[in-house]
């Protein structure tokens, strides 16, 4: 009988752990979806705004890095849909 109780307790613990990770991954997916929509739009706005201005190299590097990350995210999303 004690083994059954222990098994049920372990099962309940694992179910709580599964729910925890489901919630975490759901929140992460939500964040990623927002970034996929917002970041490219914001980068376009920044590009237009900075087009006729001299900006520090560090700012240019950061913007290029953001563009690279957006491209990588788009590739990952496209692959996951296949």
N, C-alpha and C. Protein backbone atom coordinates (compact mmCIF):
# COMPACT_ATOMS: atom_id res chain seq x y z
N UNK A 1 0.82 -1.19 0.00
CA UNK A 1 0.00 0.00 0.00
C UNK A 1 0.87 1.26 0.00
N UNK A 2 1.97 1.24 0.76
CA UNK A 2 2.85 2.40 0.84
C UNK A 2 3.47 2.70 -0.51
N UNK A 3 3.77 1.64 -1.26
CA UNK A 3 4.35 1.85 -2.60
C UNK A 3 3.37 2.53 -3.53
N UNK A 4 2.12 2.21 -3.40
CA UNK A 4 1.09 2.85 -4.24
C UNK A 4 1.01 4.34 -3.91
N UNK A 5 1.04 4.66 -2.64
CA UNK A 5 0.98 6.06 -2.20
C UNK A 5 2.21 6.81 -2.71
N UNK A 6 3.39 6.20 -2.60
CA UNK A 6 4.62 6.83 -3.09
C UNK A 6 4.55 7.04 -4.59
N UNK A 7 4.05 6.04 -5.31
CA UNK A 7 3.94 6.16 -6.77
C UNK A 7 2.98 7.27 -7.15
N UNK A 8 1.87 7.38 -6.43
CA UNK A 8 0.89 8.44 -6.70
C UNK A 8 1.50 9.81 -6.40
N UNK A 9 2.27 9.91 -5.33
CA UNK A 9 2.90 11.19 -4.99
C UNK A 9 3.93 11.59 -6.05
N UNK A 10 4.70 10.62 -6.52
CA UNK A 10 5.67 10.91 -7.59
C UNK A 10 4.95 11.35 -8.85
N UNK A 11 3.85 10.67 -9.17
CA UNK A 11 3.08 11.01 -10.36
C UNK A 11 2.52 12.43 -10.25
N UNK A 12 1.99 12.77 -9.08
CA UNK A 12 1.46 14.13 -8.87
C UNK A 12 2.58 15.16 -8.99
N UNK A 13 3.74 14.84 -8.45
CA UNK A 13 4.88 15.76 -8.56
C UNK A 13 5.29 15.96 -10.01
N UNK A 14 5.30 14.89 -10.76
CA UNK A 14 5.67 15.00 -12.18
C UNK A 14 4.62 15.78 -12.96
N UNK A 15 3.36 15.58 -12.61
CA UNK A 15 2.30 16.33 -13.29
C UNK A 15 2.43 17.83 -13.01
N UNK A 16 2.77 18.18 -11.76
CA UNK A 16 2.99 19.60 -11.43
C UNK A 16 4.18 20.16 -12.20
N UNK A 17 5.23 19.35 -12.31
CA UNK A 17 6.41 19.76 -13.06
C UNK A 17 6.09 19.96 -14.53
N UNK A 18 5.31 19.07 -15.10
CA UNK A 18 4.90 19.19 -16.50
C UNK A 18 4.10 20.47 -16.70
N UNK A 19 3.18 20.75 -15.81
CA UNK A 19 2.37 21.97 -15.92
C UNK A 19 3.25 23.22 -15.81
N UNK A 20 4.22 23.16 -14.91
CA UNK A 20 5.15 24.29 -14.75
C UNK A 20 5.88 24.56 -16.06
N UNK A 21 6.44 23.51 -16.67
CA UNK A 21 7.20 23.69 -17.90
C UNK A 21 6.31 24.08 -19.07
N UNK A 22 5.09 23.57 -19.10
CA UNK A 22 4.14 23.99 -20.14
C UNK A 22 3.89 25.49 -20.05
N UNK A 23 3.69 25.98 -18.84
CA UNK A 23 3.45 27.41 -18.62
C UNK A 23 4.67 28.22 -19.04
N UNK A 24 5.86 27.76 -18.64
CA UNK A 24 7.09 28.48 -19.00
C UNK A 24 7.27 28.53 -20.52
N UNK A 25 7.09 27.40 -21.19
CA UNK A 25 7.25 27.37 -22.64
C UNK A 25 6.17 28.20 -23.33
N UNK A 26 4.98 28.20 -22.80
CA UNK A 26 3.91 29.01 -23.37
C UNK A 26 4.25 30.50 -23.27
N UNK A 27 4.78 30.92 -22.12
CA UNK A 27 5.17 32.31 -21.95
C UNK A 27 6.32 32.67 -22.88
N UNK A 28 7.27 31.76 -23.04
CA UNK A 28 8.39 31.99 -23.94
C UNK A 28 7.91 32.11 -25.39
N UNK A 29 6.98 31.25 -25.77
CA UNK A 29 6.42 31.31 -27.13
C UNK A 29 5.70 32.63 -27.35
N UNK A 30 4.99 33.08 -26.35
CA UNK A 30 4.29 34.36 -26.44
C UNK A 30 5.27 35.51 -26.64
N UNK A 31 6.34 35.49 -25.88
CA UNK A 31 7.37 36.51 -26.00
C UNK A 31 8.02 36.47 -27.39
N UNK A 32 8.32 35.28 -27.87
CA UNK A 32 8.94 35.14 -29.19
C UNK A 32 8.00 35.63 -30.28
N UNK A 33 6.72 35.31 -30.18
CA UNK A 33 5.75 35.77 -31.18
C UNK A 33 5.66 37.29 -31.20
N UNK A 34 5.66 37.90 -30.04
CA UNK A 34 5.63 39.37 -29.98
C UNK A 34 6.88 39.95 -30.61
N UNK A 35 8.03 39.35 -30.31
CA UNK A 35 9.29 39.84 -30.87
C UNK A 35 9.30 39.70 -32.38
N UNK A 36 8.77 38.59 -32.89
CA UNK A 36 8.75 38.36 -34.33
C UNK A 36 7.93 39.43 -35.03
N UNK A 37 6.89 39.92 -34.37
CA UNK A 37 6.05 40.96 -34.96
C UNK A 37 6.62 42.36 -34.75
N UNK A 38 7.05 42.65 -33.54
CA UNK A 38 7.43 44.02 -33.18
C UNK A 38 8.84 44.41 -33.62
N UNK A 39 9.81 43.54 -33.43
CA UNK A 39 11.21 43.90 -33.68
C UNK A 39 11.45 44.25 -35.16
N UNK A 40 10.98 43.46 -36.13
CA UNK A 40 11.22 43.85 -37.53
C UNK A 40 10.62 45.22 -37.88
N UNK A 41 9.42 45.49 -37.37
CA UNK A 41 8.79 46.78 -37.63
C UNK A 41 9.61 47.91 -37.02
N UNK A 42 10.06 47.70 -35.81
CA UNK A 42 10.85 48.73 -35.14
C UNK A 42 12.19 48.94 -35.83
N UNK A 43 12.80 47.86 -36.33
CA UNK A 43 14.07 48.00 -37.05
C UNK A 43 13.87 48.80 -38.34
N UNK A 44 12.76 48.57 -39.03
CA UNK A 44 12.49 49.36 -40.24
C UNK A 44 12.35 50.84 -39.91
N UNK A 45 11.65 51.12 -38.81
CA UNK A 45 11.47 52.51 -38.39
C UNK A 45 12.82 53.15 -38.05
N UNK A 46 13.67 52.42 -37.37
CA UNK A 46 15.00 52.93 -37.01
C UNK A 46 15.82 53.17 -38.26
N UNK A 47 15.78 52.21 -39.20
CA UNK A 47 16.52 52.38 -40.46
C UNK A 47 16.12 53.66 -41.17
N UNK A 48 14.83 53.91 -41.25
CA UNK A 48 14.34 55.11 -41.94
C UNK A 48 14.77 56.35 -41.18
N UNK A 49 14.66 56.32 -39.88
CA UNK A 49 15.01 57.47 -39.06
C UNK A 49 16.50 57.81 -39.15
N UNK A 50 17.34 56.78 -39.17
CA UNK A 50 18.78 57.00 -39.16
C UNK A 50 19.40 57.13 -40.55
N UNK A 51 18.59 56.97 -41.57
CA UNK A 51 19.10 56.97 -42.94
C UNK A 51 19.91 58.22 -43.27
N UNK A 52 19.47 59.36 -42.78
CA UNK A 52 20.12 60.61 -43.14
C UNK A 52 20.93 61.21 -41.99
N UNK A 53 21.29 60.37 -41.05
CA UNK A 53 22.05 60.85 -39.89
C UNK A 53 23.34 60.05 -39.76
N UNK A 54 24.28 60.65 -39.14
CA UNK A 54 25.52 59.96 -38.81
C UNK A 54 25.35 59.33 -37.43
N UNK A 55 25.54 58.04 -37.38
CA UNK A 55 25.38 57.34 -36.10
C UNK A 55 26.70 56.66 -35.73
N UNK A 56 26.93 56.48 -34.46
CA UNK A 56 28.15 55.79 -34.04
C UNK A 56 28.20 54.36 -34.59
N UNK A 57 29.39 53.87 -34.81
CA UNK A 57 29.59 52.51 -35.33
C UNK A 57 28.93 51.48 -34.41
N UNK A 58 28.97 51.72 -33.11
CA UNK A 58 28.38 50.78 -32.16
C UNK A 58 26.88 50.64 -32.38
N UNK A 59 26.22 51.76 -32.70
CA UNK A 59 24.78 51.73 -32.96
C UNK A 59 24.52 50.96 -34.25
N UNK A 60 25.31 51.22 -35.27
CA UNK A 60 25.18 50.48 -36.53
C UNK A 60 25.38 48.99 -36.30
N UNK A 61 26.39 48.64 -35.53
CA UNK A 61 26.67 47.23 -35.24
C UNK A 61 25.50 46.59 -34.50
N UNK A 62 24.94 47.31 -33.55
CA UNK A 62 23.81 46.78 -32.79
C UNK A 62 22.61 46.55 -33.70
N UNK A 63 22.32 47.49 -34.56
CA UNK A 63 21.19 47.36 -35.49
C UNK A 63 21.41 46.18 -36.43
N UNK A 64 22.61 46.04 -36.94
CA UNK A 64 22.91 44.91 -37.83
C UNK A 64 22.78 43.58 -37.08
N UNK A 65 23.20 43.55 -35.84
CA UNK A 65 23.06 42.35 -35.03
C UNK A 65 21.57 42.01 -34.83
N UNK A 66 20.77 43.02 -34.55
CA UNK A 66 19.32 42.81 -34.39
C UNK A 66 18.71 42.27 -35.68
N UNK A 67 19.13 42.82 -36.82
CA UNK A 67 18.63 42.33 -38.10
C UNK A 67 19.02 40.87 -38.31
N UNK A 68 20.24 40.54 -37.94
CA UNK A 68 20.69 39.15 -38.08
C UNK A 68 19.84 38.22 -37.21
N UNK A 69 19.58 38.65 -35.96
CA UNK A 69 18.75 37.84 -35.06
C UNK A 69 17.34 37.67 -35.60
N UNK A 70 16.77 38.73 -36.15
CA UNK A 70 15.43 38.64 -36.73
C UNK A 70 15.43 37.66 -37.89
N UNK A 71 16.44 37.73 -38.74
CA UNK A 71 16.55 36.78 -39.85
C UNK A 71 16.64 35.34 -39.35
N UNK A 72 17.41 35.14 -38.32
CA UNK A 72 17.56 33.81 -37.72
C UNK A 72 16.22 33.32 -37.15
N UNK A 73 15.51 34.20 -36.47
CA UNK A 73 14.19 33.83 -35.93
C UNK A 73 13.24 33.46 -37.05
N UNK A 74 13.24 34.23 -38.13
CA UNK A 74 12.35 33.94 -39.25
C UNK A 74 12.68 32.58 -39.86
N UNK A 75 13.97 32.28 -40.00
CA UNK A 75 14.37 30.97 -40.54
C UNK A 75 13.90 29.85 -39.63
N UNK A 76 14.05 30.01 -38.33
CA UNK A 76 13.63 28.99 -37.38
C UNK A 76 12.11 28.77 -37.44
N UNK A 77 11.37 29.85 -37.54
CA UNK A 77 9.90 29.72 -37.62
C UNK A 77 9.51 29.02 -38.92
N UNK A 78 10.17 29.40 -40.02
CA UNK A 78 9.86 28.77 -41.31
C UNK A 78 10.15 27.27 -41.27
N UNK A 79 11.29 26.89 -40.67
CA UNK A 79 11.64 25.47 -40.57
C UNK A 79 10.66 24.72 -39.68
N UNK A 80 10.18 25.36 -38.62
CA UNK A 80 9.28 24.67 -37.70
C UNK A 80 7.91 24.45 -38.34
N UNK A 81 7.58 25.24 -39.34
CA UNK A 81 6.29 25.09 -40.03
C UNK A 81 6.33 24.01 -41.09
N UNK A 82 7.53 23.61 -41.50
CA UNK A 82 7.65 22.57 -42.53
C UNK A 82 7.35 21.20 -42.00
